[in-house]
Amino acid sequence: MESTSRRKFFKQSLGAVAAIAVTAKVAEAAVCKLTERQTSGPFIPNDFPFKDPRGEGAPHIQVAESDADLTVIEQNGQLLTAQGQVIHVLGKVVDQSCTPVAGATVYLWQADDHGHYNHAEDPNVRSSSDLDHGFQYRASVTTQRDGSFRFKTVKPKYYPLDETGSMMRTAHLHIAVLHPRCQQLITQTYFEGNVLEDIERIRELNQTDIILAPQGKILEKFRSLIIDFKMNPAVASEPVGEVTLTVNRIS
């Protein structure tokens, strides 16, 4: 009898330990690391809510549209298409407990296929003729119930940081997330793999970029900001990449 009770006790103890381990594992899995914040840069569109308070940032060309497809613009009854490699960015916004954030506003702004911003302060743009009049340059979408969002855009080009062209800024997308119950997130996403040709050349030229370590390695804390693009089975010429943005829910 004593032996039976002892066996029962051990079974119950093992079961309790297993339950604690499973609970701890679930709790651990329900914690998402906040996305690394990055500078908004000097070329924020002047019609965004986090624009330069000094009122700077006037665009070289006026673009009325700001929808999720940056690759097509209607102008005077005609459809103009953007230059460059079309890419699809599929994203999801979650909070620190990995819960999807619905109703968040996600803003994207970027350089075009020539490395130019539609921004009066961009020193690489001499006039509006340097810009792509078929490109939207910025967009705004709202996340779905599952926190998802998507953009159709073009792969931006890296661009020189000085007149000599000896230092290049790695190609990137600026993204901001705003939600009334979450802390504002402004960050940048980067490219890895075949979607960015000559990446080794860029690393060679730009050893001080925030995304790169001195040896040209990606800093581990920025690993989640790298978008790894896959070929789109529906449209083989338009790669698709995914990114998850984790924001700090404060209420």
C-alpha atoms as a PDB file:
ATOM      1  CA  MET A   1       0.000   0.000   0.000  1.00  0.00           C
ATOM      2  CA  GLU A   2       2.776   2.350   0.919  1.00  0.00           C
ATOM      3  CA  SER A   3       4.598   1.444  -2.300  1.00  0.00           C
ATOM      4  CA  THR A   4       1.477   2.195  -4.362  1.00  0.00           C
ATOM      5  CA  SER A   5       0.995   5.559  -2.658  1.00  0.00           C
ATOM      6  CA  ARG A   6       4.644   6.399  -3.229  1.00  0.00           C
ATOM      7  CA  ARG A   7       4.364   5.583  -6.933  1.00  0.00           C
ATOM      8  CA  LYS A   8       1.222   7.705  -7.146  1.00  0.00           C
ATOM      9  CA  PHE A   9       2.982  10.563  -5.406  1.00  0.00           C
ATOM     10  CA  PHE A  10       5.919  10.426  -7.817  1.00  0.00           C
ATOM     11  CA  LYS A  11       3.590  10.322 -10.822  1.00  0.00           C
ATOM     12  CA  GLN A  12       1.694  13.344  -9.552  1.00  0.00           C
ATOM     13  CA  SER A  13       4.975  15.136  -8.837  1.00  0.00           C
ATOM     14  CA  LEU A  14       6.291  14.419 -12.325  1.00  0.00           C
ATOM     15  CA  GLY A  15       2.999  15.583 -13.787  1.00  0.00           C
ATOM     16  CA  ALA A  16       3.190  18.829 -11.815  1.00  0.00           C
ATOM     17  CA  VAL A  17       6.762  19.440 -12.945  1.00  0.00           C
ATOM     18  CA  ALA A  18       5.790  18.773 -16.556  1.00  0.00           C
ATOM     19  CA  ALA A  19       2.837  21.157 -16.251  1.00  0.00           C
ATOM     20  CA  ILE A  20       5.087  23.878 -14.827  1.00  0.00           C
ATOM     21  CA  ALA A  21       7.588  23.335 -17.649  1.00  0.00           C
ATOM     22  CA  VAL A  22       4.850  23.583 -20.301  1.00  0.00           C
ATOM     23  CA  THR A  23       3.410  26.711 -18.673  1.00  0.00           C
ATOM     24  CA  ALA A  24       6.870  28.308 -18.536  1.00  0.00           C
ATOM     25  CA  LYS A  25       7.452  27.419 -22.173  1.00  0.00           C
ATOM     26  CA  VAL A  26       4.131  28.949 -23.218  1.00  0.00           C
ATOM     27  CA  ALA A  27       4.906  32.079 -21.184  1.00  0.00           C
ATOM     28  CA  GLU A  28       8.324  32.324 -22.786  1.00  0.00           C
ATOM     29  CA  ALA A  29       6.852  31.887 -26.268  1.00  0.00           C
ATOM     30  CA  ALA A  30       4.390  34.718 -25.598  1.00  0.00           C
ATOM     31  CA  VAL A  31       7.110  37.355 -25.323  1.00  0.00           C
ATOM     32  CA  CYS A  32       8.119  39.170 -28.507  1.00  0.00           C
ATOM     33  CA  LYS A  33      11.249  41.313 -28.579  1.00  0.00           C
ATOM     34  CA  LEU A  34      10.512  44.938 -29.425  1.00  0.00           C
ATOM     35  CA  THR A  35      11.656  46.014 -32.873  1.00  0.00           C
ATOM     36  CA  GLU A  36      14.838  48.075 -32.849  1.00  0.00           C
ATOM     37  CA  ARG A  37      14.182  51.761 -33.314  1.00  0.00           C
ATOM     38  CA  GLN A  38      16.086  53.687 -35.950  1.00  0.00           C
ATOM     39  CA  THR A  39      16.341  57.280 -37.047  1.00  0.00           C
ATOM     40  CA  SER A  40      13.621  58.701 -39.242  1.00  0.00           C
ATOM     41  CA  GLY A  41      16.342  60.301 -41.337  1.00  0.00           C
ATOM     42  CA  PRO A  42      16.309  63.789 -42.774  1.00  0.00           C
ATOM     43  CA  PHE A  43      13.839  63.079 -45.593  1.00  0.00           C
ATOM     44  CA  ILE A  44      10.493  62.619 -43.830  1.00  0.00           C
ATOM     45  CA  PRO A  45       7.527  63.426 -46.100  1.00  0.00           C
ATOM     46  CA  ASN A  46       5.997  66.702 -45.036  1.00  0.00           C
ATOM     47  CA  ASP A  47       2.435  65.338 -44.961  1.00  0.00           C
ATOM     48  CA  PHE A  48       3.106  62.699 -42.312  1.00  0.00           C
ATOM     49  CA  PRO A  49       1.973  63.298 -38.698  1.00  0.00           C
ATOM     50  CA  PHE A  50       5.538  62.975 -37.393  1.00  0.00           C
ATOM     51  CA  LYS A  51       6.892  65.495 -39.930  1.00  0.00           C
ATOM     52  CA  ASP A  52       9.639  67.979 -39.204  1.00  0.00           C
ATOM     53  CA  PRO A  53       8.117  70.528 -36.771  1.00  0.00           C
ATOM     54  CA  ARG A  54      10.051  73.265 -38.561  1.00  0.00           C
ATOM     55  CA  GLY A  55       7.831  72.712 -41.587  1.00  0.00           C
ATOM     56  CA  GLU A  56      10.665  71.599 -43.842  1.00  0.00           C
ATOM     57  CA  GLY A  57      10.530  68.700 -46.254  1.00  0.00           C
ATOM     58  CA  ALA A  58       8.548  70.087 -49.172  1.00  0.00           C
ATOM     59  CA  PRO A  59       8.406  67.564 -52.020  1.00  0.00           C
ATOM     60  CA  HIS A  60       9.870  68.290 -55.452  1.00  0.00           C
ATOM     61  CA  ILE A  61       6.762  66.814 -57.061  1.00  0.00           C
ATOM     62  CA  GLN A  62       3.264  66.731 -55.610  1.00  0.00           C
ATOM     63  CA  VAL A  63       1.834  63.222 -55.327  1.00  0.00           C
ATOM     64  CA  ALA A  64      -1.748  63.076 -54.099  1.00  0.00           C
ATOM     65  CA  GLU A  65      -1.923  59.299 -53.726  1.00  0.00           C
ATOM     66  CA  SER A  66      -0.690  57.482 -50.628  1.00  0.00           C
ATOM     67  CA  ASP A  67      -2.239  54.011 -51.002  1.00  0.00           C
ATOM     68  CA  ALA A  68      -0.484  50.667 -50.560  1.00  0.00           C
ATOM     69  CA  ASP A  69       0.604  50.405 -54.209  1.00  0.00           C
ATOM     70  CA  LEU A  70       3.501  52.810 -54.776  1.00  0.00           C
ATOM     71  CA  THR A  71       4.211  51.534 -58.285  1.00  0.00           C
ATOM     72  CA  VAL A  72       1.328  53.161 -60.168  1.00  0.00           C
ATOM     73  CA  ILE A  73       0.142  56.771 -60.199  1.00  0.00           C
ATOM     74  CA  GLU A  74      -2.795  58.232 -62.067  1.00  0.00           C
ATOM     75  CA  GLN A  75      -2.013  61.607 -63.560  1.00  0.00           C
ATOM     76  CA  ASN A  76      -4.297  63.549 -65.887  1.00  0.00           C
ATOM     77  CA  GLY A  77      -6.256  60.408 -66.683  1.00  0.00           C
ATOM     78  CA  GLN A  78      -3.127  58.399 -67.467  1.00  0.00           C
ATOM     79  CA  LEU A  79      -1.505  55.632 -65.459  1.00  0.00           C
ATOM     80  CA  LEU A  80       2.216  56.124 -64.879  1.00  0.00           C
ATOM     81  CA  THR A  81       4.305  53.198 -63.643  1.00  0.00           C
ATOM     82  CA  ALA A  82       7.406  53.325 -61.473  1.00  0.00           C
ATOM     83  CA  GLN A  83      10.867  52.393 -62.660  1.00  0.00           C
ATOM     84  CA  GLY A  84      12.798  49.572 -61.018  1.00  0.00           C
ATOM     85  CA  GLN A  85      12.355  46.138 -59.472  1.00  0.00           C
ATOM     86  CA  VAL A  86       8.825  45.661 -58.139  1.00  0.00           C
ATOM     87  CA  ILE A  87       8.723  44.062 -54.675  1.00  0.00           C
ATOM     88  CA  HIS A  88       5.943  43.125 -52.256  1.00  0.00           C
ATOM     89  CA  VAL A  89       6.406  43.759 -48.550  1.00  0.00           C
ATOM     90  CA  LEU A  90       4.103  41.711 -46.342  1.00  0.00           C
ATOM     91  CA  GLY A  91       4.159  42.704 -42.701  1.00  0.00           C
ATOM     92  CA  LYS A  92       2.559  42.115 -39.356  1.00  0.00           C
ATOM     93  CA  VAL A  93       2.374  44.371 -36.305  1.00  0.00           C
ATOM     94  CA  VAL A  94       2.291  42.673 -32.892  1.00  0.00           C
ATOM     95  CA  ASP A  95       2.824  43.849 -29.329  1.00  0.00           C
ATOM     96  CA  GLN A  96       5.313  42.626 -26.740  1.00  0.00           C
ATOM     97  CA  SER A  97       3.044  39.687 -25.870  1.00  0.00           C
ATOM     98  CA  CYS A  98       2.916  38.698 -29.561  1.00  0.00           C
ATOM     99  CA  THR A  99      -0.735  39.780 -29.819  1.00  0.00           C
ATOM    100  CA  PRO A 100      -1.679  41.227 -33.244  1.00  0.00           C
ATOM    101  CA  VAL A 101      -2.252  44.982 -33.258  1.00  0.00           C
ATOM    102  CA  ALA A 102      -5.291  45.800 -35.374  1.00  0.00           C
ATOM    103  CA  GLY A 103      -6.079  49.317 -36.584  1.00  0.00           C
ATOM    104  CA  ALA A 104      -2.487  50.555 -36.456  1.00  0.00           C
ATOM    105  CA  THR A 105      -1.369  53.012 -39.114  1.00  0.00           C
ATOM    106  CA  VAL A 106       1.761  51.909 -40.933  1.00  0.00           C
ATOM    107  CA  TYR A 107       3.666  54.535 -42.916  1.00  0.00           C
ATOM    108  CA  LEU A 108       6.358  53.774 -45.461  1.00  0.00           C
ATOM    109  CA  TRP A 109       8.670  56.206 -47.233  1.00  0.00           C
ATOM    110  CA  GLN A 110      11.751  55.525 -49.304  1.00  0.00           C
ATOM    111  CA  ALA A 111      14.132  56.420 -52.100  1.00  0.00           C
ATOM    112  CA  ASP A 112      13.318  55.454 -55.674  1.00  0.00           C
ATOM    113  CA  ASP A 113      15.159  53.229 -58.134  1.00  0.00           C
ATOM    114  CA  HIS A 114      17.809  55.954 -58.528  1.00  0.00           C
ATOM    115  CA  GLY A 115      18.372  56.492 -54.790  1.00  0.00           C
ATOM    116  CA  HIS A 116      16.430  59.765 -54.760  1.00  0.00           C
ATOM    117  CA  TYR A 117      13.848  60.986 -52.250  1.00  0.00           C
ATOM    118  CA  ASN A 118      10.961  63.253 -53.192  1.00  0.00           C
ATOM    119  CA  HIS A 119      12.266  65.778 -50.714  1.00  0.00           C
ATOM    120  CA  ALA A 120      13.626  69.292 -51.230  1.00  0.00           C
ATOM    121  CA  GLU A 121      16.479  68.637 -48.789  1.00  0.00           C
ATOM    122  CA  ASP A 122      17.861  65.633 -50.679  1.00  0.00           C
ATOM    123  CA  PRO A 123      21.251  66.865 -51.962  1.00  0.00           C
ATOM    124  CA  ASN A 124      21.274  64.190 -54.668  1.00  0.00           C
ATOM    125  CA  VAL A 125      18.180  65.694 -56.319  1.00  0.00           C
ATOM    126  CA  ARG A 126      18.859  68.783 -58.409  1.00  0.00           C
ATOM    127  CA  SER A 127      15.344  69.219 -59.793  1.00  0.00           C
ATOM    128  CA  SER A 128      12.064  67.363 -60.250  1.00  0.00           C
ATOM    129  CA  SER A 129      13.412  65.930 -63.498  1.00  0.00           C
ATOM    130  CA  ASP A 130      15.680  63.686 -61.406  1.00  0.00           C
ATOM    131  CA  LEU A 131      12.654  61.999 -59.851  1.00  0.00           C
ATOM    132  CA  ASP A 132      10.439  59.163 -61.024  1.00  0.00           C
ATOM    133  CA  HIS A 133       7.055  60.705 -61.788  1.00  0.00           C
ATOM    134  CA  GLY A 134       5.464  57.269 -61.839  1.00  0.00           C
ATOM    135  CA  PHE A 135       6.526  56.477 -58.277  1.00  0.00           C
ATOM    136  CA  GLN A 136       4.555  57.359 -55.149  1.00  0.00           C
ATOM    137  CA  TYR A 137       7.522  57.648 -52.720  1.00  0.00           C
ATOM    138  CA  ARG A 138       5.393  57.146 -49.577  1.00  0.00           C
ATOM    139  CA  ALA A 139       2.313  55.227 -48.502  1.00  0.00           C
ATOM    140  CA  SER A 140      -0.030  54.691 -45.575  1.00  0.00           C
ATOM    141  CA  VAL A 141      -2.084  51.606 -44.666  1.00  0.00           C
ATOM    142  CA  THR A 142      -4.068  50.300 -41.688  1.00  0.00           C
ATOM    143  CA  THR A 143      -3.383  46.894 -40.180  1.00  0.00           C
ATOM    144  CA  GLN A 144      -6.060  44.201 -40.401  1.00  0.00           C
ATOM    145  CA  ARG A 145      -7.557  42.258 -37.464  1.00  0.00           C
ATOM    146  CA  ASP A 146      -4.586  39.893 -37.531  1.00  0.00           C
ATOM    147  CA  GLY A 147      -2.144  42.820 -37.530  1.00  0.00           C
ATOM    148  CA  SER A 148      -1.201  42.286 -41.161  1.00  0.00           C
ATOM    149  CA  PHE A 149      -0.382  44.888 -43.804  1.00  0.00           C
ATOM    150  CA  ARG A 150       1.206  44.915 -47.222  1.00  0.00           C
ATOM    151  CA  PHE A 151       2.870  47.297 -49.654  1.00  0.00           C
ATOM    152  CA  LYS A 152       3.702  46.976 -53.327  1.00  0.00           C
ATOM    153  CA  THR A 153       6.708  49.131 -54.106  1.00  0.00           C
ATOM    154  CA  VAL A 154      10.090  49.099 -55.851  1.00  0.00           C
ATOM    155  CA  LYS A 155      13.466  48.161 -54.472  1.00  0.00           C
ATOM    156  CA  PRO A 156      15.148  51.418 -53.433  1.00  0.00           C
ATOM    157  CA  LYS A 157      18.709  52.053 -54.454  1.00  0.00           C
ATOM    158  CA  TYR A 158      21.616  52.848 -52.179  1.00  0.00           C
ATOM    159  CA  TYR A 159      22.868  56.425 -52.504  1.00  0.00           C
ATOM    160  CA  PRO A 160      26.012  58.468 -51.795  1.00  0.00           C
ATOM    161  CA  LEU A 161      26.373  60.287 -48.495  1.00  0.00           C
ATOM    162  CA  ASP A 162      28.896  62.770 -49.848  1.00  0.00           C
ATOM    163  CA  GLU A 163      29.916  64.373 -53.132  1.00  0.00           C
ATOM    164  CA  THR A 164      32.787  61.954 -53.686  1.00  0.00           C
ATOM    165  CA  GLY A 165      30.536  58.905 -53.607  1.00  0.00           C
ATOM    166  CA  SER A 166      33.050  57.090 -51.432  1.00  0.00           C
ATOM    167  CA  MET A 167      30.476  56.401 -48.713  1.00  0.00           C
ATOM    168  CA  MET A 168      27.168  54.793 -49.618  1.00  0.00           C
ATOM    169  CA  ARG A 169      23.984  54.488 -47.577  1.00  0.00           C
ATOM    170  CA  THR A 170      22.648  50.936 -47.648  1.00  0.00           C
ATOM    171  CA  ALA A 171      19.296  50.578 -49.429  1.00  0.00           C
ATOM    172  CA  HIS A 172      16.434  50.652 -46.941  1.00  0.00           C
ATOM    173  CA  LEU A 173      12.755  51.309 -46.333  1.00  0.00           C
ATOM    174  CA  HIS A 174      11.613  53.726 -43.640  1.00  0.00           C
ATOM    175  CA  ILE A 175       8.619  52.448 -41.679  1.00  0.00           C
ATOM    176  CA  ALA A 176       6.639  53.993 -38.844  1.00  0.00           C
ATOM    177  CA  VAL A 177       3.812  52.463 -36.817  1.00  0.00           C
ATOM    178  CA  LEU A 178       1.262  54.578 -34.942  1.00  0.00           C
ATOM    179  CA  HIS A 179      -1.530  53.338 -32.688  1.00  0.00           C
ATOM    180  CA  PRO A 180      -3.299  55.213 -29.849  1.00  0.00           C
ATOM    181  CA  ARG A 181      -2.508  52.431 -27.345  1.00  0.00           C
ATOM    182  CA  CYS A 182       1.059  51.755 -28.437  1.00  0.00           C
ATOM    183  CA  GLN A 183       4.329  53.617 -28.286  1.00  0.00           C
ATOM    184  CA  GLN A 184       5.215  55.098 -31.671  1.00  0.00           C
ATOM    185  CA  LEU A 185       7.759  53.041 -33.597  1.00  0.00           C
ATOM    186  CA  ILE A 186      10.048  54.460 -36.277  1.00  0.00           C
ATOM    187  CA  THR A 187      12.527  52.086 -37.834  1.00  0.00           C
ATOM    188  CA  GLN A 188      14.123  50.985 -41.094  1.00  0.00           C
ATOM    189  CA  THR A 189      14.163  47.656 -42.889  1.00  0.00           C
ATOM    190  CA  TYR A 190      17.006  46.402 -45.054  1.00  0.00           C
ATOM    191  CA  PHE A 191      17.627  43.859 -47.780  1.00  0.00           C
ATOM    192  CA  GLU A 192      19.654  40.695 -47.934  1.00  0.00           C
ATOM    193  CA  GLY A 193      20.314  38.155 -50.628  1.00  0.00           C
ATOM    194  CA  ASN A 194      19.628  38.383 -54.332  1.00  0.00           C
ATOM    195  CA  VAL A 195      17.161  41.256 -54.058  1.00  0.00           C
ATOM    196  CA  LEU A 196      20.146  43.575 -53.593  1.00  0.00           C
ATOM    197  CA  GLU A 197      22.872  43.091 -56.133  1.00  0.00           C
ATOM    198  CA  ASP A 198      26.376  44.267 -55.268  1.00  0.00           C
ATOM    199  CA  ILE A 199      25.733  44.055 -51.530  1.00  0.00           C
ATOM    200  CA  GLU A 200      29.362  43.110 -50.918  1.00  0.00           C
ATOM    201  CA  ARG A 201      30.442  46.204 -52.816  1.00  0.00           C
ATOM    202  CA  ILE A 202      28.173  48.339 -50.631  1.00  0.00           C
ATOM    203  CA  ARG A 203      29.619  46.766 -47.502  1.00  0.00           C
ATOM    204  CA  GLU A 204      33.090  47.482 -48.792  1.00  0.00           C
ATOM    205  CA  LEU A 205      32.256  51.150 -49.323  1.00  0.00           C
ATOM    206  CA  ASN A 206      30.161  51.650 -46.240  1.00  0.00           C
ATOM    207  CA  GLN A 207      31.753  50.255 -43.097  1.00  0.00           C
ATOM    208  CA  THR A 208      29.896  52.585 -40.725  1.00  0.00           C
ATOM    209  CA  ASP A 209      26.263  51.907 -41.653  1.00  0.00           C
ATOM    210  CA  ILE A 210      24.128  51.200 -38.601  1.00  0.00           C
ATOM    211  CA  ILE A 211      23.095  47.819 -40.000  1.00  0.00           C
ATOM    212  CA  LEU A 212      26.675  46.663 -40.566  1.00  0.00           C
ATOM    213  CA  ALA A 213      29.424  45.725 -38.173  1.00  0.00           C
ATOM    214  CA  PRO A 214      32.948  46.984 -38.982  1.00  0.00           C
ATOM    215  CA  GLN A 215      33.770  43.726 -40.760  1.00  0.00           C
ATOM    216  CA  GLY A 216      30.707  43.987 -42.970  1.00  0.00           C
ATOM    217  CA  LYS A 217      28.678  41.601 -40.842  1.00  0.00           C
ATOM    218  CA  ILE A 218      25.064  42.308 -39.956  1.00  0.00           C
ATOM    219  CA  LEU A 219      24.759  43.317 -36.320  1.00  0.00           C
ATOM    220  CA  GLU A 220      22.714  40.643 -34.542  1.00  0.00           C
ATOM    221  CA  LYS A 221      20.299  43.069 -32.889  1.00  0.00           C
ATOM    222  CA  PHE A 222      19.284  44.299 -36.347  1.00  0.00           C
ATOM    223  CA  ARG A 223      18.810  40.813 -37.774  1.00  0.00           C
ATOM    224  CA  SER A 224      15.024  41.085 -37.578  1.00  0.00           C
ATOM    225  CA  LEU A 225      15.139  44.186 -39.787  1.00  0.00           C
ATOM    226  CA  ILE A 226      16.564  42.258 -42.731  1.00  0.00           C
ATOM    227  CA  ILE A 227      13.878  41.303 -45.255  1.00  0.00           C
ATOM    228  CA  ASP A 228      14.696  38.075 -47.044  1.00  0.00           C
ATOM    229  CA  PHE A 229      12.801  38.139 -50.318  1.00  0.00           C
ATOM    230  CA  LYS A 230      11.464  35.042 -52.044  1.00  0.00           C
ATOM    231  CA  MET A 231      10.222  34.789 -55.581  1.00  0.00           C
ATOM    232  CA  ASN A 232       6.482  35.344 -55.954  1.00  0.00           C
ATOM    233  CA  PRO A 233       4.882  32.161 -57.354  1.00  0.00           C
ATOM    234  CA  ALA A 234       2.102  34.255 -58.900  1.00  0.00           C
ATOM    235  CA  VAL A 235       4.401  36.825 -60.520  1.00  0.00           C
ATOM    236  CA  ALA A 236       7.917  35.424 -60.733  1.00  0.00           C
ATOM    237  CA  SER A 237       9.489  38.808 -61.468  1.00  0.00           C
ATOM    238  CA  GLU A 238       8.132  40.401 -58.268  1.00  0.00           C
ATOM    239  CA  PRO A 239       9.839  39.093 -55.082  1.00  0.00           C
ATOM    240  CA  VAL A 240       7.887  38.916 -51.825  1.00  0.00           C
ATOM    241  CA  GLY A 241       9.415  39.605 -48.418  1.00  0.00           C
ATOM    242  CA  GLU A 242       7.980  39.461 -44.904  1.00  0.00           C
ATOM    243  CA  VAL A 243       8.694  41.489 -41.794  1.00  0.00           C
ATOM    244  CA  THR A 244       7.244  41.496 -38.267  1.00  0.00           C
ATOM    245  CA  LEU A 245       7.212  44.762 -36.317  1.00  0.00           C
ATOM    246  CA  THR A 246       6.833  44.509 -32.549  1.00  0.00           C
ATOM    247  CA  VAL A 247       5.564  47.618 -30.773  1.00  0.00           C
ATOM    248  CA  ASN A 248       5.249  48.460 -27.090  1.00  0.00           C
ATOM    249  CA  ARG A 249       1.612  48.408 -26.021  1.00  0.00           C
ATOM    250  CA  ILE A 250       1.249  50.910 -23.186  1.00  0.00           C
ATOM    251  CA  SER A 251      -2.481  50.718 -22.451  1.00  0.00           C
END
